[in-house]
């Protein structure tokens, strides 16, 4: 694992996050966005807020900053509030990824030596894939047309949200 591989996986993470947001979440009404769903964290709002919050928590640990608290979903009353926070967190993550080096990937995340930096970075992308799948299932239950988020589509330069002939 090297830093270019990590940046590649995060390009996938950011691309699919934005694609789902722009093509699916924005198709919801405000009521649908906060509508309680019976699976996982509930509403699409809760899922998206959780995803950005966990990304921020892990990247705070990576920077050695105090870990922010878990998100209070009621702090995000609408899509605009989640999107603004999502954009802020993504910008912070991109900044930190630009600073990382191959040598830093082999460091331990903290003094407990439970996980190496590269392992945490891979976990964040994997966690995102898990929650995006839950978001897509929730969107589908709300009647929104969704699409696969497979990594292979990203590798081959295919946007699965665009119908193919």
N, C-alpha and C. Protein backbone atom coordinates (compact mmCIF):
# COMPACT_ATOMS: atom_id res chain seq x y z
N UNK A 1 0.86 -1.18 0.00
CA UNK A 1 0.00 0.00 0.00
C UNK A 1 0.90 1.23 0.00
N UNK A 2 0.63 2.14 -0.93
CA UNK A 2 1.36 3.40 -0.94
C UNK A 2 0.36 4.56 -1.00
N UNK A 3 0.84 5.77 -0.83
CA UNK A 3 -0.05 6.91 -0.72
C UNK A 3 -0.85 7.12 -2.01
N UNK A 4 -0.29 6.82 -3.16
CA UNK A 4 -1.05 6.97 -4.41
C UNK A 4 -2.21 5.99 -4.46
N UNK A 5 -2.01 4.76 -3.96
CA UNK A 5 -3.12 3.80 -3.88
C UNK A 5 -4.21 4.34 -2.95
N UNK A 6 -3.82 4.88 -1.81
CA UNK A 6 -4.77 5.43 -0.86
C UNK A 6 -5.56 6.58 -1.49
N UNK A 7 -4.85 7.48 -2.15
CA UNK A 7 -5.54 8.61 -2.79
C UNK A 7 -6.51 8.13 -3.87
N UNK A 8 -6.15 7.07 -4.57
CA UNK A 8 -7.03 6.48 -5.57
C UNK A 8 -8.33 5.97 -4.92
N UNK A 9 -8.21 5.24 -3.81
CA UNK A 9 -9.40 4.74 -3.11
C UNK A 9 -10.27 5.89 -2.62
N UNK A 10 -9.65 6.96 -2.19
CA UNK A 10 -10.44 8.12 -1.73
C UNK A 10 -11.06 8.87 -2.90
N UNK A 11 -10.44 8.85 -4.04
CA UNK A 11 -11.10 9.43 -5.22
C UNK A 11 -12.39 8.67 -5.50
N UNK A 12 -12.34 7.35 -5.38
CA UNK A 12 -13.55 6.52 -5.50
C UNK A 12 -14.57 6.91 -4.43
N UNK A 13 -14.15 6.97 -3.20
CA UNK A 13 -15.02 7.30 -2.06
C UNK A 13 -15.72 8.63 -2.30
N UNK A 14 -14.96 9.65 -2.65
CA UNK A 14 -15.55 10.98 -2.85
C UNK A 14 -16.46 11.02 -4.08
N UNK A 15 -16.05 10.36 -5.15
CA UNK A 15 -16.83 10.35 -6.38
C UNK A 15 -18.20 9.70 -6.15
N UNK A 16 -18.21 8.54 -5.52
CA UNK A 16 -19.48 7.83 -5.33
C UNK A 16 -20.34 8.56 -4.30
N UNK A 17 -19.74 9.11 -3.25
CA UNK A 17 -20.52 9.91 -2.29
C UNK A 17 -21.26 11.03 -3.02
N UNK A 18 -20.54 11.77 -3.83
CA UNK A 18 -21.14 12.92 -4.54
C UNK A 18 -22.17 12.46 -5.57
N UNK A 19 -21.88 11.38 -6.25
CA UNK A 19 -22.81 10.88 -7.26
C UNK A 19 -24.14 10.49 -6.60
N UNK A 20 -24.08 9.77 -5.49
CA UNK A 20 -25.30 9.38 -4.79
C UNK A 20 -26.03 10.62 -4.28
N UNK A 21 -25.28 11.55 -3.75
CA UNK A 21 -25.90 12.78 -3.25
C UNK A 21 -26.60 13.53 -4.39
N UNK A 22 -25.84 13.82 -5.44
CA UNK A 22 -26.35 14.65 -6.53
C UNK A 22 -27.46 13.97 -7.33
N UNK A 23 -27.34 12.67 -7.57
CA UNK A 23 -28.30 11.99 -8.44
C UNK A 23 -29.46 11.36 -7.69
N UNK A 24 -29.29 11.08 -6.40
CA UNK A 24 -30.34 10.36 -5.67
C UNK A 24 -30.89 11.16 -4.49
N UNK A 25 -30.02 11.59 -3.60
CA UNK A 25 -30.49 12.30 -2.41
C UNK A 25 -31.23 13.57 -2.80
N UNK A 26 -30.74 14.27 -3.80
CA UNK A 26 -31.39 15.51 -4.22
C UNK A 26 -32.75 15.26 -4.88
N UNK A 27 -33.05 14.01 -5.23
CA UNK A 27 -34.36 13.68 -5.79
C UNK A 27 -35.42 13.55 -4.71
N UNK A 28 -34.99 13.51 -3.45
CA UNK A 28 -35.92 13.39 -2.33
C UNK A 28 -36.59 14.72 -2.01
N UNK A 29 -37.76 14.63 -1.44
CA UNK A 29 -38.35 15.82 -0.83
C UNK A 29 -37.71 16.00 0.54
N UNK A 30 -37.88 17.16 1.14
CA UNK A 30 -37.35 17.38 2.49
C UNK A 30 -37.95 16.38 3.47
N UNK A 31 -39.22 16.06 3.28
CA UNK A 31 -39.88 15.12 4.17
C UNK A 31 -39.29 13.71 4.02
N UNK A 32 -39.03 13.31 2.78
CA UNK A 32 -38.43 12.00 2.56
C UNK A 32 -37.02 11.92 3.14
N UNK A 33 -36.29 13.01 3.08
CA UNK A 33 -34.91 13.05 3.58
C UNK A 33 -34.86 12.70 5.06
N UNK A 34 -35.83 13.17 5.82
CA UNK A 34 -35.84 12.93 7.27
C UNK A 34 -36.82 11.83 7.68
N UNK A 35 -37.49 11.21 6.72
CA UNK A 35 -38.47 10.16 7.02
C UNK A 35 -37.78 8.99 7.69
N UNK A 36 -38.34 8.53 8.77
CA UNK A 36 -37.77 7.39 9.50
C UNK A 36 -37.89 6.12 8.65
N UNK A 37 -36.79 5.42 8.51
CA UNK A 37 -36.77 4.15 7.81
C UNK A 37 -36.46 3.07 8.85
N UNK A 38 -36.90 1.87 8.60
CA UNK A 38 -36.80 0.82 9.63
C UNK A 38 -35.44 0.14 9.69
N UNK A 39 -34.52 0.52 8.84
CA UNK A 39 -33.24 -0.19 8.78
C UNK A 39 -32.08 0.68 9.24
N UNK A 40 -31.16 0.09 9.93
CA UNK A 40 -29.90 0.70 10.34
C UNK A 40 -30.11 1.98 11.14
N UNK A 41 -29.60 3.11 10.65
CA UNK A 41 -29.66 4.36 11.41
C UNK A 41 -30.94 5.15 11.16
N UNK A 42 -31.81 4.61 10.32
CA UNK A 42 -33.07 5.30 10.07
C UNK A 42 -33.03 6.08 8.78
N UNK A 43 -33.32 7.35 8.86
CA UNK A 43 -33.50 8.21 7.70
C UNK A 43 -32.24 8.35 6.85
N UNK A 44 -32.46 8.81 5.63
CA UNK A 44 -31.34 9.13 4.75
C UNK A 44 -30.50 10.23 5.39
N UNK A 45 -31.15 11.18 6.03
CA UNK A 45 -30.41 12.23 6.75
C UNK A 45 -29.47 11.61 7.78
N UNK A 46 -29.98 10.68 8.58
CA UNK A 46 -29.16 10.07 9.62
C UNK A 46 -27.99 9.30 9.01
N UNK A 47 -28.26 8.59 7.93
CA UNK A 47 -27.19 7.83 7.28
C UNK A 47 -26.09 8.75 6.74
N UNK A 48 -26.50 9.81 6.04
CA UNK A 48 -25.50 10.70 5.44
C UNK A 48 -24.74 11.47 6.52
N UNK A 49 -25.44 11.91 7.56
CA UNK A 49 -24.77 12.62 8.65
C UNK A 49 -23.80 11.69 9.37
N UNK A 50 -24.20 10.45 9.56
CA UNK A 50 -23.31 9.48 10.21
C UNK A 50 -22.05 9.26 9.37
N UNK A 51 -22.23 9.10 8.08
CA UNK A 51 -21.08 8.84 7.21
C UNK A 51 -20.08 9.98 7.27
N UNK A 52 -20.53 11.20 7.14
CA UNK A 52 -19.59 12.32 7.18
C UNK A 52 -18.98 12.49 8.57
N UNK A 53 -19.75 12.21 9.61
CA UNK A 53 -19.26 12.35 10.97
C UNK A 53 -18.16 11.33 11.27
N UNK A 54 -18.36 10.10 10.85
CA UNK A 54 -17.35 9.07 11.10
C UNK A 54 -16.09 9.36 10.29
N UNK A 55 -16.25 9.82 9.05
CA UNK A 55 -15.07 10.22 8.27
C UNK A 55 -14.29 11.29 9.03
N UNK A 56 -15.00 12.28 9.55
CA UNK A 56 -14.32 13.35 10.28
C UNK A 56 -13.65 12.83 11.55
N UNK A 57 -14.31 11.95 12.26
CA UNK A 57 -13.74 11.41 13.50
C UNK A 57 -12.43 10.68 13.23
N UNK A 58 -12.40 9.82 12.22
CA UNK A 58 -11.18 9.09 11.91
C UNK A 58 -10.08 10.03 11.43
N UNK A 59 -10.42 10.99 10.60
CA UNK A 59 -9.39 11.90 10.10
C UNK A 59 -8.90 12.85 11.19
N UNK A 60 -9.72 13.13 12.18
CA UNK A 60 -9.25 13.91 13.34
C UNK A 60 -8.20 13.11 14.09
N UNK A 61 -8.44 11.83 14.27
CA UNK A 61 -7.46 10.97 14.93
C UNK A 61 -6.16 10.94 14.12
N UNK A 62 -6.29 10.88 12.81
CA UNK A 62 -5.12 10.86 11.94
C UNK A 62 -4.30 12.14 12.11
N UNK A 63 -4.97 13.26 12.27
CA UNK A 63 -4.29 14.55 12.44
C UNK A 63 -3.79 14.76 13.87
N UNK A 64 -4.24 13.89 14.79
CA UNK A 64 -3.88 14.07 16.19
C UNK A 64 -4.73 15.12 16.88
N UNK A 65 -5.85 15.47 16.27
CA UNK A 65 -6.78 16.45 16.86
C UNK A 65 -7.76 15.73 17.78
N UNK A 66 -8.40 16.47 18.67
CA UNK A 66 -9.44 15.86 19.49
C UNK A 66 -10.54 15.28 18.60
N UNK A 67 -11.05 14.13 18.98
CA UNK A 67 -12.10 13.49 18.19
C UNK A 67 -13.42 14.19 18.43
N UNK A 68 -14.08 14.64 17.37
CA UNK A 68 -15.39 15.28 17.53
C UNK A 68 -16.41 14.29 18.10
N UNK A 69 -17.45 14.78 18.73
CA UNK A 69 -18.47 13.86 19.26
C UNK A 69 -19.24 13.20 18.12
N UNK A 70 -19.96 12.14 18.46
CA UNK A 70 -20.84 11.54 17.47
C UNK A 70 -21.91 12.55 17.10
N UNK A 71 -22.35 12.49 15.86
CA UNK A 71 -23.31 13.46 15.34
C UNK A 71 -24.64 13.36 16.07
N UNK A 72 -25.22 14.52 16.30
CA UNK A 72 -26.60 14.62 16.76
C UNK A 72 -27.40 14.93 15.50
N UNK A 73 -28.15 13.97 15.04
CA UNK A 73 -28.81 14.11 13.74
C UNK A 73 -29.78 15.29 13.69
N UNK A 74 -30.32 15.68 14.81
CA UNK A 74 -31.24 16.83 14.82
C UNK A 74 -30.51 18.14 14.52
N UNK A 75 -29.17 18.11 14.59
CA UNK A 75 -28.40 19.30 14.20
C UNK A 75 -28.40 19.51 12.69
N UNK A 76 -28.95 18.56 11.97
CA UNK A 76 -28.99 18.60 10.51
C UNK A 76 -30.46 18.54 10.06
N UNK A 77 -31.15 19.67 10.06
CA UNK A 77 -32.58 19.66 9.78
C UNK A 77 -32.95 19.43 8.31
N UNK A 78 -31.98 19.62 7.40
CA UNK A 78 -32.32 19.53 5.99
C UNK A 78 -31.09 19.13 5.17
N UNK A 79 -31.32 18.94 3.88
CA UNK A 79 -30.22 18.51 3.01
C UNK A 79 -29.11 19.55 2.94
N UNK A 80 -29.47 20.82 2.92
CA UNK A 80 -28.45 21.87 2.81
C UNK A 80 -27.48 21.82 3.98
N UNK A 81 -27.97 21.56 5.17
CA UNK A 81 -27.10 21.53 6.35
C UNK A 81 -26.16 20.33 6.31
N UNK A 82 -26.68 19.19 5.85
CA UNK A 82 -25.82 18.00 5.73
C UNK A 82 -24.79 18.23 4.63
N UNK A 83 -25.22 18.75 3.50
CA UNK A 83 -24.31 18.93 2.37
C UNK A 83 -23.19 19.92 2.71
N UNK A 84 -23.52 20.99 3.41
CA UNK A 84 -22.49 21.96 3.80
C UNK A 84 -21.43 21.29 4.68
N UNK A 85 -21.88 20.48 5.62
CA UNK A 85 -20.94 19.78 6.51
C UNK A 85 -20.17 18.73 5.73
N UNK A 86 -20.84 18.02 4.85
CA UNK A 86 -20.19 17.00 4.02
C UNK A 86 -19.07 17.63 3.20
N UNK A 87 -19.35 18.77 2.58
CA UNK A 87 -18.34 19.45 1.77
C UNK A 87 -17.16 19.91 2.62
N UNK A 88 -17.43 20.40 3.82
CA UNK A 88 -16.37 20.84 4.72
C UNK A 88 -15.48 19.66 5.10
N UNK A 89 -16.09 18.55 5.47
CA UNK A 89 -15.34 17.37 5.88
C UNK A 89 -14.53 16.80 4.71
N UNK A 90 -15.14 16.73 3.54
CA UNK A 90 -14.40 16.23 2.38
C UNK A 90 -13.18 17.11 2.08
N UNK A 91 -13.34 18.42 2.16
CA UNK A 91 -12.21 19.33 1.91
C UNK A 91 -11.09 19.09 2.92
N UNK A 92 -11.46 18.89 4.17
CA UNK A 92 -10.46 18.61 5.21
C UNK A 92 -9.75 17.29 4.91
N UNK A 93 -10.51 16.27 4.50
CA UNK A 93 -9.92 14.98 4.20
C UNK A 93 -8.96 15.08 3.01
N UNK A 94 -9.37 15.80 1.98
CA UNK A 94 -8.51 15.97 0.80
C UNK A 94 -7.20 16.68 1.18
N UNK A 95 -7.32 17.68 2.04
CA UNK A 95 -6.13 18.40 2.48
C UNK A 95 -5.17 17.46 3.21
N UNK A 96 -5.72 16.65 4.11
CA UNK A 96 -4.88 15.73 4.87
C UNK A 96 -4.27 14.66 3.97
N UNK A 97 -5.05 14.14 3.03
CA UNK A 97 -4.53 13.13 2.11
C UNK A 97 -3.39 13.69 1.27
N UNK A 98 -3.47 14.96 0.91
CA UNK A 98 -2.41 15.59 0.12
C UNK A 98 -1.11 15.67 0.90
N UNK A 99 -1.20 15.74 2.21
CA UNK A 99 -0.01 15.87 3.07
C UNK A 99 0.63 14.52 3.41
N UNK A 100 -0.12 13.44 3.31
CA UNK A 100 0.37 12.15 3.75
C UNK A 100 1.49 11.64 2.85
N UNK A 101 2.36 10.86 3.46
CA UNK A 101 3.48 10.25 2.74
C UNK A 101 3.42 8.73 2.90
N UNK A 102 4.17 8.05 2.05
CA UNK A 102 4.26 6.60 2.17
C UNK A 102 4.75 6.20 3.56
N UNK A 103 5.73 6.91 4.08
CA UNK A 103 6.28 6.57 5.39
C UNK A 103 5.22 6.68 6.48
N UNK A 104 4.37 7.68 6.40
CA UNK A 104 3.34 7.87 7.43
C UNK A 104 2.32 6.73 7.43
N UNK A 105 2.08 6.12 6.28
CA UNK A 105 1.12 5.01 6.19
C UNK A 105 1.51 3.85 7.09
N UNK A 106 2.80 3.65 7.28
CA UNK A 106 3.28 2.54 8.09
C UNK A 106 3.33 2.86 9.58
N UNK A 107 3.03 4.10 9.95
CA UNK A 107 2.99 4.47 11.36
C UNK A 107 1.74 3.91 12.02
N UNK A 108 1.81 3.82 13.33
CA UNK A 108 0.60 3.49 14.09
C UNK A 108 -0.23 4.75 14.24
N UNK A 109 -1.53 4.56 14.27
CA UNK A 109 -2.45 5.68 14.38
C UNK A 109 -2.27 6.42 15.70
N UNK A 110 -2.03 5.66 16.78
CA UNK A 110 -1.87 6.28 18.09
C UNK A 110 -0.91 5.46 18.94
N UNK A 111 -0.72 5.90 20.15
CA UNK A 111 0.24 5.23 21.04
C UNK A 111 -0.18 3.83 21.44
N UNK A 112 -1.46 3.52 21.32
CA UNK A 112 -1.93 2.17 21.68
C UNK A 112 -1.47 1.12 20.67
N UNK A 113 -1.08 1.56 19.49
CA UNK A 113 -0.58 0.69 18.43
C UNK A 113 -1.58 -0.41 18.05
N UNK A 114 -2.86 -0.04 18.05
CA UNK A 114 -3.90 -0.98 17.65
C UNK A 114 -4.03 -1.08 16.14
N UNK A 115 -3.80 0.03 15.46
CA UNK A 115 -3.99 0.03 14.01
C UNK A 115 -2.96 0.95 13.36
N UNK A 116 -2.57 0.57 12.18
CA UNK A 116 -1.66 1.41 11.41
C UNK A 116 -2.48 2.40 10.60
N UNK A 117 -1.85 3.48 10.19
CA UNK A 117 -2.53 4.53 9.44
C UNK A 117 -3.18 3.97 8.19
N UNK A 118 -2.47 3.13 7.42
CA UNK A 118 -3.05 2.60 6.19
C UNK A 118 -4.28 1.76 6.48
N UNK A 119 -4.30 1.05 7.61
CA UNK A 119 -5.46 0.23 7.96
C UNK A 119 -6.67 1.10 8.26
N UNK A 120 -6.45 2.19 9.00
CA UNK A 120 -7.55 3.10 9.29
C UNK A 120 -8.08 3.73 8.02
N UNK A 121 -7.19 4.13 7.13
CA UNK A 121 -7.62 4.76 5.88
C UNK A 121 -8.44 3.79 5.03
N UNK A 122 -8.04 2.54 4.98
CA UNK A 122 -8.81 1.55 4.25
C UNK A 122 -10.16 1.30 4.93
N UNK A 123 -10.16 1.29 6.25
CA UNK A 123 -11.41 1.11 7.00
C UNK A 123 -12.43 2.21 6.65
N UNK A 124 -11.98 3.45 6.56
CA UNK A 124 -12.90 4.56 6.30
C UNK A 124 -13.59 4.37 4.95
N UNK A 125 -12.83 3.98 3.93
CA UNK A 125 -13.44 3.74 2.61
C UNK A 125 -14.41 2.56 2.69
N UNK A 126 -14.01 1.49 3.37
CA UNK A 126 -14.87 0.32 3.51
C UNK A 126 -16.15 0.67 4.28
N UNK A 127 -16.03 1.44 5.33
CA UNK A 127 -17.19 1.89 6.11
C UNK A 127 -18.12 2.71 5.22
N UNK A 128 -17.54 3.55 4.38
CA UNK A 128 -18.35 4.34 3.45
C UNK A 128 -19.13 3.45 2.49
N UNK A 129 -18.50 2.41 1.99
CA UNK A 129 -19.18 1.49 1.08
C UNK A 129 -20.37 0.83 1.78
N UNK A 130 -20.17 0.42 3.01
CA UNK A 130 -21.25 -0.20 3.78
C UNK A 130 -22.43 0.76 3.94
N UNK A 131 -22.17 1.97 4.36
CA UNK A 131 -23.26 2.92 4.58
C UNK A 131 -23.87 3.43 3.28
N UNK A 132 -23.08 3.55 2.24
CA UNK A 132 -23.67 3.91 0.95
C UNK A 132 -24.66 2.84 0.50
N UNK A 133 -24.34 1.57 0.73
CA UNK A 133 -25.27 0.49 0.37
C UNK A 133 -26.57 0.65 1.17
N UNK A 134 -26.46 1.01 2.43
CA UNK A 134 -27.65 1.23 3.24
C UNK A 134 -28.43 2.45 2.75
N UNK A 135 -27.70 3.49 2.38
CA UNK A 135 -28.35 4.69 1.83
C UNK A 135 -29.08 4.35 0.54
N UNK A 136 -28.43 3.60 -0.35
CA UNK A 136 -29.05 3.22 -1.61
C UNK A 136 -30.30 2.38 -1.38
N UNK A 137 -30.25 1.46 -0.42
CA UNK A 137 -31.44 0.66 -0.11
C UNK A 137 -32.56 1.55 0.40
N UNK A 138 -32.23 2.50 1.27
CA UNK A 138 -33.23 3.43 1.78
C UNK A 138 -33.82 4.30 0.68
N UNK A 139 -32.96 4.78 -0.20
CA UNK A 139 -33.44 5.59 -1.32
C UNK A 139 -34.38 4.78 -2.20
N UNK A 140 -34.01 3.54 -2.47
CA UNK A 140 -34.86 2.67 -3.28
C UNK A 140 -36.22 2.48 -2.62
N UNK A 141 -36.24 2.30 -1.30
CA UNK A 141 -37.51 2.11 -0.60
C UNK A 141 -38.38 3.37 -0.66
N UNK A 142 -37.75 4.51 -0.89
CA UNK A 142 -38.49 5.77 -1.02
C UNK A 142 -38.87 6.06 -2.47
N UNK A 143 -38.56 5.12 -3.37
CA UNK A 143 -38.96 5.26 -4.76
C UNK A 143 -37.97 5.98 -5.65
N UNK A 144 -36.76 6.21 -5.15
CA UNK A 144 -35.74 6.90 -5.94
C UNK A 144 -34.98 5.88 -6.78
N UNK A 145 -34.76 6.20 -8.04
CA UNK A 145 -33.95 5.34 -8.91
C UNK A 145 -32.50 5.42 -8.45
N UNK A 146 -31.91 4.27 -8.19
CA UNK A 146 -30.52 4.20 -7.71
C UNK A 146 -29.67 3.47 -8.74
N UNK A 147 -28.43 3.22 -8.38
CA UNK A 147 -27.47 2.59 -9.28
C UNK A 147 -26.42 1.90 -8.43
N UNK A 148 -25.64 0.99 -9.00
CA UNK A 148 -24.60 0.32 -8.22
C UNK A 148 -23.44 1.26 -7.91
N UNK A 149 -22.75 0.95 -6.83
CA UNK A 149 -21.58 1.75 -6.44
C UNK A 149 -20.29 0.96 -6.57
N UNK A 150 -20.30 -0.09 -7.33
CA UNK A 150 -19.15 -0.97 -7.43
C UNK A 150 -17.86 -0.22 -7.77
N UNK A 151 -16.82 -0.60 -7.08
CA UNK A 151 -15.49 -0.03 -7.30
C UNK A 151 -15.04 -0.24 -8.75
N UNK A 152 -15.38 -1.39 -9.32
CA UNK A 152 -14.95 -1.68 -10.70
C UNK A 152 -15.47 -0.63 -11.68
N UNK A 153 -16.67 -0.11 -11.47
CA UNK A 153 -17.18 0.94 -12.36
C UNK A 153 -16.25 2.15 -12.31
N UNK A 154 -15.79 2.50 -11.12
CA UNK A 154 -14.87 3.63 -10.97
C UNK A 154 -13.57 3.34 -11.72
N UNK A 155 -13.02 2.16 -11.52
CA UNK A 155 -11.76 1.79 -12.16
C UNK A 155 -11.86 1.88 -13.68
N UNK A 156 -12.99 1.41 -14.23
CA UNK A 156 -13.16 1.38 -15.68
C UNK A 156 -13.74 2.69 -16.23
N UNK A 157 -13.94 3.68 -15.36
CA UNK A 157 -14.41 4.98 -15.81
C UNK A 157 -15.87 5.00 -16.25
N UNK A 158 -16.67 4.12 -15.67
CA UNK A 158 -18.09 4.03 -16.01
C UNK A 158 -18.90 4.72 -14.94
N UNK A 159 -19.80 5.61 -15.34
CA UNK A 159 -20.73 6.23 -14.40
C UNK A 159 -22.03 5.44 -14.45
N UNK A 160 -22.27 4.56 -13.47
CA UNK A 160 -23.45 3.70 -13.53
C UNK A 160 -24.76 4.45 -13.33
N UNK A 161 -24.69 5.73 -13.00
CA UNK A 161 -25.92 6.51 -12.85
C UNK A 161 -26.43 7.01 -14.20
N UNK A 162 -25.62 6.86 -15.23
CA UNK A 162 -26.01 7.28 -16.57
C UNK A 162 -26.41 6.03 -17.36
N UNK A 163 -27.65 5.98 -17.85
CA UNK A 163 -28.09 4.80 -18.61
C UNK A 163 -27.18 4.57 -19.83
N UNK A 164 -26.88 3.32 -20.05
CA UNK A 164 -26.03 2.95 -21.19
C UNK A 164 -26.89 2.31 -22.27
N UNK A 165 -26.50 2.51 -23.49
CA UNK A 165 -27.23 1.92 -24.62
C UNK A 165 -26.60 0.64 -25.05
